[in-house]
Amino acid sequence: MKTLVFFLEEPSARAMLQSFLPRVLPAGYQALYIVFEGKSDLEKRLFS
């Protein structure tokens, strides 16, 4: 099983991907969603 990791700025992006990705990902792939509270939170947590 291969895992694709998504770093997302907001929960609505996760909701969109959760509805879209199962239709396009090949078998043997799963998605991991890491959601932040906006761009500044994402930058702070990734680059500190």
N, C-alpha and C. Protein backbone atom coordinates (compact mmCIF):
# COMPACT_ATOMS: atom_id res chain seq x y z
N MET A 1 0.85 -1.18 0.00
CA MET A 1 0.00 0.00 0.00
C MET A 1 0.90 1.24 0.00
N LYS A 2 0.61 2.17 -0.87
CA LYS A 2 1.33 3.43 -0.95
C LYS A 2 0.45 4.53 -0.38
N THR A 3 1.07 5.48 0.30
CA THR A 3 0.34 6.57 0.93
C THR A 3 0.72 7.90 0.30
N LEU A 4 -0.29 8.65 -0.09
CA LEU A 4 -0.10 10.02 -0.56
C LEU A 4 -0.45 10.95 0.60
N VAL A 5 0.45 11.87 0.92
CA VAL A 5 0.23 12.78 2.04
C VAL A 5 -0.10 14.16 1.49
N PHE A 6 -1.20 14.73 1.99
CA PHE A 6 -1.64 16.06 1.58
C PHE A 6 -1.57 17.01 2.77
N PHE A 7 -0.85 18.10 2.62
CA PHE A 7 -0.80 19.16 3.61
C PHE A 7 -1.80 20.22 3.16
N LEU A 8 -2.85 20.42 3.93
CA LEU A 8 -3.96 21.26 3.50
C LEU A 8 -4.14 22.47 4.41
N GLU A 9 -4.57 23.57 3.82
CA GLU A 9 -4.76 24.82 4.56
C GLU A 9 -6.05 24.85 5.38
N GLU A 10 -7.02 24.05 5.02
CA GLU A 10 -8.31 24.15 5.70
C GLU A 10 -9.10 22.85 5.56
N PRO A 11 -10.04 22.62 6.48
CA PRO A 11 -10.84 21.39 6.45
C PRO A 11 -11.65 21.20 5.17
N SER A 12 -12.07 22.27 4.53
CA SER A 12 -12.88 22.13 3.32
C SER A 12 -12.08 21.49 2.19
N ALA A 13 -10.77 21.70 2.17
CA ALA A 13 -9.93 21.06 1.16
C ALA A 13 -9.91 19.54 1.38
N ARG A 14 -9.88 19.12 2.64
CA ARG A 14 -9.93 17.69 2.94
C ARG A 14 -11.25 17.10 2.46
N ALA A 15 -12.33 17.79 2.73
CA ALA A 15 -13.65 17.29 2.32
C ALA A 15 -13.72 17.10 0.81
N MET A 16 -13.18 18.05 0.07
CA MET A 16 -13.19 17.96 -1.39
C MET A 16 -12.36 16.77 -1.86
N LEU A 17 -11.16 16.63 -1.31
CA LEU A 17 -10.29 15.52 -1.72
C LEU A 17 -10.86 14.17 -1.33
N GLN A 18 -11.49 14.09 -0.17
CA GLN A 18 -12.07 12.82 0.27
C GLN A 18 -13.20 12.36 -0.66
N SER A 19 -13.87 13.30 -1.29
CA SER A 19 -14.92 12.90 -2.22
C SER A 19 -14.39 12.63 -3.62
N PHE A 20 -13.28 13.25 -3.97
CA PHE A 20 -12.73 13.15 -5.33
C PHE A 20 -11.70 12.02 -5.49
N LEU A 21 -10.77 11.91 -4.57
CA LEU A 21 -9.65 10.98 -4.75
C LEU A 21 -10.04 9.51 -4.87
N PRO A 22 -11.00 9.01 -4.12
CA PRO A 22 -11.34 7.59 -4.28
C PRO A 22 -11.74 7.22 -5.71
N ARG A 23 -12.22 8.18 -6.46
CA ARG A 23 -12.63 7.91 -7.84
C ARG A 23 -11.45 7.88 -8.81
N VAL A 24 -10.32 8.50 -8.44
CA VAL A 24 -9.21 8.60 -9.39
C VAL A 24 -7.94 7.87 -8.96
N LEU A 25 -7.81 7.55 -7.69
CA LEU A 25 -6.61 6.85 -7.23
C LEU A 25 -6.65 5.38 -7.65
N PRO A 26 -5.52 4.88 -8.14
CA PRO A 26 -5.48 3.45 -8.47
C PRO A 26 -5.51 2.59 -7.20
N ALA A 27 -5.81 1.34 -7.38
CA ALA A 27 -5.80 0.40 -6.26
C ALA A 27 -4.42 0.37 -5.63
N GLY A 28 -4.37 0.23 -4.33
CA GLY A 28 -3.10 0.16 -3.63
C GLY A 28 -2.61 1.51 -3.12
N TYR A 29 -3.41 2.55 -3.29
CA TYR A 29 -3.05 3.88 -2.79
C TYR A 29 -4.05 4.32 -1.74
N GLN A 30 -3.54 5.01 -0.74
CA GLN A 30 -4.41 5.61 0.26
C GLN A 30 -3.96 7.05 0.46
N ALA A 31 -4.83 7.87 1.01
CA ALA A 31 -4.52 9.28 1.23
C ALA A 31 -4.48 9.57 2.72
N LEU A 32 -3.53 10.40 3.11
CA LEU A 32 -3.41 10.89 4.48
C LEU A 32 -3.53 12.41 4.39
N TYR A 33 -4.45 12.97 5.18
CA TYR A 33 -4.71 14.40 5.14
C TYR A 33 -4.22 15.04 6.43
N ILE A 34 -3.36 16.02 6.30
CA ILE A 34 -2.89 16.79 7.45
C ILE A 34 -3.42 18.21 7.25
N VAL A 35 -4.37 18.59 8.11
CA VAL A 35 -5.08 19.84 7.94
C VAL A 35 -4.57 20.88 8.92
N PHE A 36 -4.36 22.08 8.42
CA PHE A 36 -3.91 23.21 9.21
C PHE A 36 -5.03 24.24 9.26
N GLU A 37 -4.88 25.23 10.13
CA GLU A 37 -5.86 26.30 10.27
C GLU A 37 -5.40 27.52 9.51
N GLY A 38 -5.38 27.45 8.20
CA GLY A 38 -4.97 28.56 7.36
C GLY A 38 -3.50 28.48 6.96
N LYS A 39 -3.14 29.33 6.03
CA LYS A 39 -1.79 29.31 5.48
C LYS A 39 -0.73 29.65 6.52
N SER A 40 -1.00 30.62 7.39
CA SER A 40 0.00 31.01 8.39
C SER A 40 0.29 29.87 9.36
N ASP A 41 -0.74 29.10 9.74
CA ASP A 41 -0.54 27.94 10.62
C ASP A 41 0.28 26.88 9.90
N LEU A 42 -0.03 26.62 8.64
CA LEU A 42 0.71 25.65 7.84
C LEU A 42 2.19 26.04 7.79
N GLU A 43 2.47 27.29 7.43
CA GLU A 43 3.86 27.74 7.33
C GLU A 43 4.57 27.67 8.67
N LYS A 44 3.89 28.09 9.72
CA LYS A 44 4.50 28.09 11.07
C LYS A 44 4.86 26.67 11.50
N ARG A 45 3.94 25.74 11.31
CA ARG A 45 4.17 24.37 11.78
C ARG A 45 5.13 23.59 10.90
N LEU A 46 5.18 23.89 9.60
CA LEU A 46 6.08 23.17 8.71
C LEU A 46 7.51 23.69 8.77
N PHE A 47 7.67 24.99 8.98
CA PHE A 47 8.99 25.59 8.86
C PHE A 47 9.57 26.05 10.19
N SER A 48 9.04 25.59 11.30
CA SER A 48 9.62 25.98 12.59
C SER A 48 10.23 24.80 13.30
